[in-house]
Protein backbone atom coordinates (compact mmCIF):
# COMPACT_ATOMS: atom_id res chain seq x y z
CA MET A 1 0.05 3.74 11.04
CA GLY A 2 2.27 5.17 13.67
CA GLY A 3 5.64 3.59 15.20
CA CYS A 4 9.07 3.90 13.76
CA THR A 5 10.45 2.18 10.43
CA LEU A 6 10.59 -1.22 11.54
CA THR A 7 6.80 -1.15 12.10
CA GLY A 8 6.58 -0.14 8.58
CA ALA A 9 8.82 -2.18 7.24
CA LEU A 10 7.08 -5.24 8.77
CA SER A 11 3.93 -4.09 7.41
CA VAL A 12 5.18 -5.02 4.07
CA ALA A 13 7.33 -7.52 4.48
CA CYS A 14 5.91 -9.99 6.71
CA PHE A 15 2.88 -10.69 4.82
CA ILE A 16 4.82 -12.46 1.62
CA PRO A 17 3.99 -15.69 1.40
CA GLY A 18 7.19 -17.95 1.15
CA ALA A 19 9.53 -15.48 3.09
CA VAL A 20 10.46 -15.28 6.79
CA THR A 21 10.66 -12.27 8.38
CA VAL A 22 14.22 -11.59 10.70
CA VAL A 23 13.79 -8.99 12.94
CA HIS A 24 17.43 -8.31 14.37
CA ALA A 25 16.40 -6.57 17.38
CA PRO A 26 15.66 -7.05 21.20
CA LYS A 27 13.15 -8.88 21.74
CA GLY A 28 10.79 -5.94 23.26
CA CYS A 29 11.53 -4.15 20.11
CA ALA A 30 9.61 -7.00 17.78
CA HIS A 31 7.11 -7.66 20.65
CA GLN A 32 5.97 -4.16 20.86
CA THR A 33 5.71 -4.05 16.53
CA PHE A 34 4.00 -7.72 15.96
CA SER A 35 1.57 -6.30 18.85
CA MET A 36 0.20 -3.24 17.10
CA LEU A 37 0.24 -5.47 13.81
CA HIS A 38 -1.84 -8.54 15.39
CA ALA A 39 -4.06 -5.79 16.80
CA LEU A 40 -4.57 -4.46 12.99
CA MET A 41 -4.78 -8.35 11.46
CA ASN A 42 -7.89 -8.51 14.05
CA GLU A 43 -9.55 -5.39 12.47
CA ALA A 44 -8.55 -6.70 9.12
CA GLU A 45 -9.98 -10.29 9.79
CA THR A 46 -6.77 -11.33 8.28
CA ARG A 47 -6.47 -15.06 8.94
CA ILE A 48 -2.62 -15.61 8.55
CA VAL A 49 0.00 -15.25 11.28
CA PRO A 50 3.37 -13.98 9.40
CA GLU A 51 6.63 -15.96 9.65
CA ILE A 52 8.74 -13.88 11.97
CA LEU A 53 11.88 -14.53 13.85
CA VAL A 54 13.67 -12.42 16.18
CA SER A 55 17.71 -12.14 16.95
CA GLY A 56 16.68 -11.02 20.57
CA LEU A 57 19.70 -8.80 21.17
CA SER A 58 20.87 -8.93 25.52
CA ASP A 59 22.23 -6.60 27.15
CA LYS A 60 25.72 -8.63 26.48
CA ASP A 61 25.18 -8.49 23.04
CA VAL A 62 24.08 -4.46 23.10
CA ILE A 63 27.85 -4.11 24.95
CA PHE A 64 29.83 -6.62 22.94
CA GLY A 65 28.10 -6.57 19.43
CA GLY A 66 25.26 -8.83 18.19
CA GLU A 67 26.55 -10.05 15.13
CA ASP A 68 26.38 -13.55 16.04
CA CYS A 69 22.84 -13.32 17.31
CA LEU A 70 22.07 -12.63 13.74
CA ARG A 71 23.99 -15.46 12.32
CA GLN A 72 22.16 -17.73 14.99
CA ALA A 73 18.65 -16.08 13.92
CA LEU A 74 19.62 -16.63 10.14
CA ASP A 75 20.30 -20.62 10.69
CA ARG A 76 17.08 -21.01 12.27
CA ALA A 77 15.60 -19.33 9.55
CA ALA A 78 17.47 -21.18 6.75
CA GLU A 79 15.97 -24.45 8.46
CA LYS A 80 12.60 -23.67 7.89
CA LYS A 81 14.06 -23.87 3.68
CA PRO A 82 11.98 -20.80 2.86
CA GLU A 83 12.33 -18.95 -0.76
CA LEU A 84 13.38 -16.12 0.82
CA ILE A 85 14.70 -14.28 4.00
CA ILE A 86 14.19 -10.85 4.34
CA VAL A 87 16.12 -9.06 7.18
CA VAL A 88 14.92 -6.01 9.06
CA THR A 89 16.43 -3.91 12.00
CA SER A 90 15.57 -1.70 14.70
CA CYS A 91 17.71 0.95 16.26
CA VAL A 92 19.74 -0.98 18.77
CA PRO A 93 22.04 -2.91 15.86
CA GLU A 94 22.68 0.65 14.16
CA THR A 95 23.57 2.28 17.25
CA ILE A 96 25.89 -0.52 18.21
CA GLY A 97 27.41 -0.81 14.75
CA ASP A 98 26.65 -4.26 13.86
CA ASP A 99 27.43 -4.97 10.22
CA CYS A 100 24.62 -6.58 9.13
CA LEU A 101 24.97 -6.49 5.15
CA ALA A 102 28.05 -8.14 5.71
CA VAL A 103 26.71 -11.07 8.14
CA CYS A 104 23.82 -11.66 5.78
CA ARG A 105 26.14 -12.02 2.72
CA GLU A 106 28.30 -14.56 4.64
CA HIS A 107 25.79 -16.69 5.24
CA PRO A 108 25.26 -19.99 3.68
CA TYR A 109 21.68 -18.98 2.63
CA ALA A 110 23.13 -15.31 1.67
CA GLU A 111 21.50 -16.02 -2.26
CA ARG A 112 18.37 -15.97 -0.85
CA THR A 113 18.25 -13.49 1.73
CA LEU A 114 17.50 -10.00 1.38
CA TYR A 115 19.00 -7.00 3.99
CA ILE A 116 16.42 -3.90 4.31
CA PRO A 117 18.58 -1.31 6.70
CA THR A 118 15.25 0.01 8.72
CA SER A 119 17.49 1.36 11.72
CA GLY A 120 14.18 1.63 13.65
CA PHE A 121 13.35 5.37 15.08
CA LEU A 122 16.76 6.05 13.65
CA GLY A 123 15.91 5.78 10.61
CA GLY A 124 12.42 7.86 10.57
CA SER A 125 8.95 7.09 10.43
CA ALA A 126 6.69 3.78 9.63
CA LYS A 127 5.96 5.50 6.18
CA ASP A 128 9.94 5.49 5.77
CA GLY A 129 10.02 1.76 6.69
CA GLU A 130 7.02 1.12 4.32
CA ASN A 131 9.26 2.93 1.58
CA ALA A 132 12.41 1.23 2.29
CA ALA A 133 11.07 -2.05 2.18
CA LEU A 134 9.31 -1.98 -1.36
CA ILE A 135 12.59 -0.55 -2.62
CA GLY A 136 14.11 -3.41 -1.12
CA LEU A 137 12.01 -5.91 -2.57
CA SER A 138 12.43 -4.56 -5.60
CA ALA A 139 15.74 -5.58 -6.19
CA LEU A 140 14.12 -9.20 -6.76
CA ALA A 141 13.37 -7.97 -9.89
CA GLU A 142 15.61 -7.65 -12.67
CA PRO A 143 14.75 -5.21 -15.62
CA ALA A 144 13.05 -6.35 -18.42
CA ASP A 145 11.08 -5.15 -21.56
CA PRO A 146 7.84 -4.20 -20.57
CA VAL A 147 5.00 -6.40 -21.28
CA PRO A 148 2.08 -4.55 -23.06
CA GLY A 149 -0.72 -4.05 -21.25
CA THR A 150 -0.05 -4.92 -17.66
CA VAL A 151 0.40 -2.76 -15.20
CA GLY A 152 1.68 -3.40 -11.36
CA ILE A 153 0.37 -1.40 -8.09
CA ILE A 154 2.84 -0.35 -5.66
CA GLY A 155 2.26 0.18 -2.17
CA GLU A 156 -1.17 -1.45 -1.29
CA LYS A 157 -1.12 -2.28 2.94
CA ASN A 158 -2.07 -5.68 3.81
CA LEU A 159 -3.84 -4.52 6.54
CA GLU A 160 -5.80 -1.34 5.34
CA SER A 161 -9.59 -1.24 5.53
CA GLU A 162 -11.65 -2.46 2.64
CA VAL A 163 -8.34 -3.09 0.62
CA GLU A 164 -9.67 -5.52 -2.04
CA GLU A 165 -12.78 -3.44 -2.27
CA ASN A 166 -10.62 -0.28 -3.15
CA PHE A 167 -8.69 -2.66 -5.68
CA ALA A 168 -11.87 -4.31 -7.37
CA GLU A 169 -12.71 -0.42 -8.48
CA VAL A 170 -9.13 -0.03 -9.64
CA GLN A 171 -9.55 -2.91 -11.81
CA ARG A 172 -12.75 -2.05 -13.28
CA LEU A 173 -11.25 1.44 -14.64
CA LEU A 174 -8.21 -0.64 -15.65
CA ASP A 175 -10.91 -2.88 -17.81
CA LEU A 176 -12.17 -0.04 -19.32
CA LEU A 177 -8.53 0.60 -21.15
CA GLY A 178 -7.88 -3.37 -21.44
CA LEU A 179 -5.46 -3.29 -19.02
CA THR A 180 -4.42 -6.18 -16.77
CA VAL A 181 -2.85 -5.83 -12.85
CA SER A 182 -0.02 -8.67 -12.98
CA VAL A 183 1.84 -7.69 -9.65
CA ARG A 184 0.14 -6.21 -6.46
CA PHE A 185 3.53 -5.08 -5.28
CA CYS A 186 3.18 -6.42 -2.35
CA ARG A 187 0.14 -7.37 -1.40
CA ASN A 188 0.40 -10.75 -0.28
CA ALA A 189 2.35 -11.40 -3.40
CA ALA A 190 4.43 -14.66 -3.69
CA VAL A 191 8.35 -14.05 -4.21
CA SER A 192 7.67 -15.42 -7.70
CA ASP A 193 5.22 -12.64 -7.92
CA LEU A 194 7.70 -9.98 -7.03
CA ARG A 195 10.23 -10.73 -9.30
CA LYS A 196 7.32 -9.79 -12.30
CA LEU A 197 7.93 -6.29 -11.38
CA GLY A 198 9.91 -5.06 -13.98
CA THR A 199 7.98 -6.17 -16.81
CA VAL A 200 4.97 -4.41 -16.13
CA SER A 201 4.27 -1.06 -18.59
CA CYS A 202 3.69 1.55 -15.82
CA PHE A 203 3.63 1.69 -11.86
CA ILE A 204 0.15 2.59 -10.37
CA LEU A 205 0.67 4.00 -6.30
CA ARG A 206 -1.34 3.56 -3.97
CA ASP A 207 -1.05 6.71 -2.73
CA GLY A 208 1.50 9.82 -1.85
CA ARG A 209 2.63 7.80 1.08
CA CYS A 210 4.49 5.51 -1.22
CA ALA A 211 5.90 8.54 -3.38
CA ASP A 212 9.85 7.69 -2.52
CA ALA A 213 9.18 4.13 -3.38
CA GLY A 214 7.52 5.18 -6.50
CA ARG A 215 10.38 7.41 -7.93
CA GLU A 216 12.93 4.94 -7.26
CA LEU A 217 11.26 2.21 -9.08
CA GLY A 218 10.69 4.56 -12.12
CA ARG A 219 14.12 5.40 -12.09
CA ARG A 220 15.42 1.45 -11.73
CA PHE A 221 13.17 0.06 -14.22
CA SER A 222 12.49 3.27 -16.58
CA ARG A 223 9.24 3.04 -16.19
CA PRO A 224 6.24 5.98 -15.86
CA VAL A 225 4.28 5.93 -12.35
CA VAL A 226 0.73 7.02 -11.62
CA GLY A 227 0.66 9.08 -8.65
CA GLY A 228 -2.52 7.49 -6.75
CA PHE A 229 -5.39 5.43 -6.88
CA PRO A 230 -8.66 7.73 -8.28
CA ARG A 231 -10.18 10.07 -5.58
CA GLY A 232 -13.82 10.23 -6.33
CA LEU A 233 -15.72 10.75 -9.43
CA SER A 234 -13.94 13.19 -11.38
CA GLY A 235 -10.78 11.49 -9.77
CA SER A 236 -11.75 8.23 -11.83
CA VAL A 237 -11.96 10.27 -15.05
CA SER A 238 -8.31 11.68 -14.50
CA PHE A 239 -7.08 8.17 -13.61
CA LEU A 240 -8.19 6.33 -17.01
CA GLN A 241 -6.60 9.73 -18.82
CA GLU A 242 -3.28 9.65 -17.10
CA THR A 243 -2.55 5.52 -16.95
CA GLY A 244 -3.82 5.73 -20.35
CA LYS A 245 -1.73 8.16 -21.35
CA ALA A 246 1.42 6.15 -19.08
CA CYS A 247 0.95 2.46 -21.01
CA GLY A 248 1.16 4.01 -24.21
CA LEU A 249 -2.79 3.29 -25.57
CA SER A 250 -4.52 5.30 -27.99
CA ALA A 251 -6.44 8.63 -27.53
CA GLU A 252 -9.08 6.78 -28.99
CA LYS A 253 -9.07 3.82 -26.65
CA ILE A 254 -8.67 6.28 -23.73
CA GLU A 255 -11.76 8.79 -25.23
CA SER A 256 -13.56 5.27 -25.44
CA ALA A 257 -12.98 4.60 -21.84
CA VAL A 258 -13.72 7.95 -20.29
CA LEU A 259 -17.13 7.81 -22.46
CA GLN A 260 -18.05 4.57 -20.81
CA GLU A 261 -17.10 5.81 -17.30
CA THR A 262 -19.17 9.00 -17.77
CA LYS A 263 -21.98 6.99 -18.39
CA TYR A 264 -21.58 4.90 -15.90
CA GLN A 265 -21.12 7.38 -12.99
CA LYS A 266 -24.31 8.96 -14.08
CA LYS A 267 -26.32 5.73 -13.84
CA MET A 268 -24.99 5.20 -10.26
CA LEU A 269 -26.05 9.06 -9.15
CA GLU A 270 -29.42 8.29 -10.38
CA ARG A 271 -30.06 6.43 -7.00
CA PHE A 272 -29.39 8.96 -5.01
CA ALA A 273 -31.89 11.42 -7.24
CA ASN A 274 -33.96 11.97 -4.14
CA LEU A 275 -30.84 13.76 -2.37
CA ALA A 276 -31.47 16.95 -4.73
CA GLY A 277 -31.98 20.18 -2.92
CA SER A 278 -30.90 18.74 0.72
CA ARG A 279 -28.65 20.96 2.83
CA VAL A 280 -25.72 19.22 4.61
CA CYS A 281 -23.02 19.88 6.80
CA LEU A 282 -19.64 17.74 6.03
CA GLY A 283 -18.13 18.85 9.26
CA ALA A 284 -14.34 18.38 10.26
CA GLU A 285 -11.99 16.08 7.33
CA PRO A 286 -10.93 12.81 9.17
CA PHE A 287 -8.64 12.40 6.27
CA GLU A 288 -6.80 14.43 3.52
CA GLY A 289 -9.07 14.85 0.02
CA THR A 290 -12.29 13.28 1.78
CA LEU A 291 -13.62 16.74 1.24
CA THR A 292 -13.02 17.60 -2.24
CA ALA A 293 -14.45 14.00 -3.05
CA ALA A 294 -17.66 14.93 -0.79
CA ARG A 295 -18.13 18.25 -2.12
CA GLU A 296 -17.90 17.16 -6.00
CA ALA A 297 -20.42 14.46 -5.04
CA LEU A 298 -22.40 17.39 -3.22
CA ALA A 299 -22.31 19.44 -7.13
CA CYS A 300 -23.09 16.47 -8.81
CA LEU A 301 -26.65 15.87 -6.85
CA ASP A 302 -27.30 19.59 -6.24
CA MET A 303 -27.08 19.35 -2.63
CA THR A 304 -25.68 22.30 -0.86
CA GLU A 305 -23.07 22.44 1.99
CA SER A 306 -24.60 24.30 5.16
CA PRO A 307 -23.67 24.45 8.64
CA ASN A 308 -26.85 24.43 9.70
CA GLY A 309 -27.65 21.56 7.57
CA ILE A 310 -28.54 17.86 8.01
CA ASN A 311 -25.12 16.43 9.93
CA VAL A 312 -23.91 13.91 7.34
CA ARG A 313 -20.98 11.34 8.08
CA LEU A 314 -17.73 11.96 6.11
CA PRO A 315 -15.95 8.37 5.71
CA PHE A 316 -12.50 7.67 7.72
CA TYR A 317 -11.01 7.04 4.36
CA LEU A 318 -10.27 8.19 0.75
CA PRO A 319 -13.73 7.57 -1.61
CA VAL A 320 -12.00 5.54 -4.33
CA GLY A 321 -13.59 6.26 -7.73
CA VAL A 322 -17.15 5.65 -8.07
CA SER A 323 -17.62 2.59 -5.29
CA GLY A 324 -16.23 4.67 -2.15
CA THR A 325 -17.89 7.61 -3.66
CA VAL A 326 -21.47 5.73 -3.65
CA LYS A 327 -20.75 4.13 -0.39
CA MET A 328 -20.29 7.54 1.02
CA LEU A 329 -23.61 8.56 -0.67
CA TYR A 330 -25.11 5.71 1.04
CA LEU A 331 -24.42 7.02 4.58
CA TRP A 332 -25.46 10.66 3.81
CA ARG A 333 -29.09 9.14 2.56
CA ARG A 334 -29.73 7.33 5.71
CA ALA A 335 -29.02 10.37 7.45
CA VAL A 336 -30.93 12.81 5.36
CA LEU A 337 -34.14 10.56 4.72
CA HIS A 338 -34.30 8.57 8.04
CA GLY A 339 -32.31 10.52 10.78
């Protein structure tokens, strides 16, 4: 998703149930960002309208300082009696020198207020904003002894396509290891859920986009970090091995999970045996890593990649595990057998 750090931070922070997000910025910044989120909400069929307030910096505030605007916005947010107030900023408060942290700390609702410095375009890209929000929200959790058999997922996008289908595939693999997801940080997670972050035995990142947050959370809580969701068929096996090792499982337990997964993959691929011998053209890669997963599937099914082959569609997403690969293969079969 494009945009500045404000866009990225809001895509994480404004979907936390029980929280109110205060945007310290001119109205135009908040409107632009929320319009983008609203378009993605429609596409993702999200029915929840986030609770967002804007301080509404005016030209006068830009000249003389906007800290009073932030105080008033915090007052309005506190009247709603939320479990948490999250404050994010555009580049304007950074430029004019507002001390947003001091304002938040001095406010009567300070104990339930979390300031996340984002600084709009001065802070970087939307990805930087996502990482800043994840790192900032992790302050809600205290370090604790890990609960064996639990994991935390970091960085699922609230508005990404097929997010629940991808989670189901990850959960299927974790079930083979006997592991449970205790917190999805911050996929529609309530404030009470976010506080559990320090109790998990390892962190699993959604993808490399949240690598900065993963490094910081791993350091802060002294936990191992698995670098991403499984990519394709072999990725599912390596995911089991890496996650099992990170959670301290026995070699026998991991080997058993891998054996079960291998049998499952063979069974699922049997559905597409009639594609063997087909020559297909994969075309351009819409998403990094998709070609690798696609070529692996070709090899497993004895198919051939050729520029003169039948054009098949690569998905505009990275195939997560077996379910993502199977969905891609259904598209291929339709093209090969029915045109």
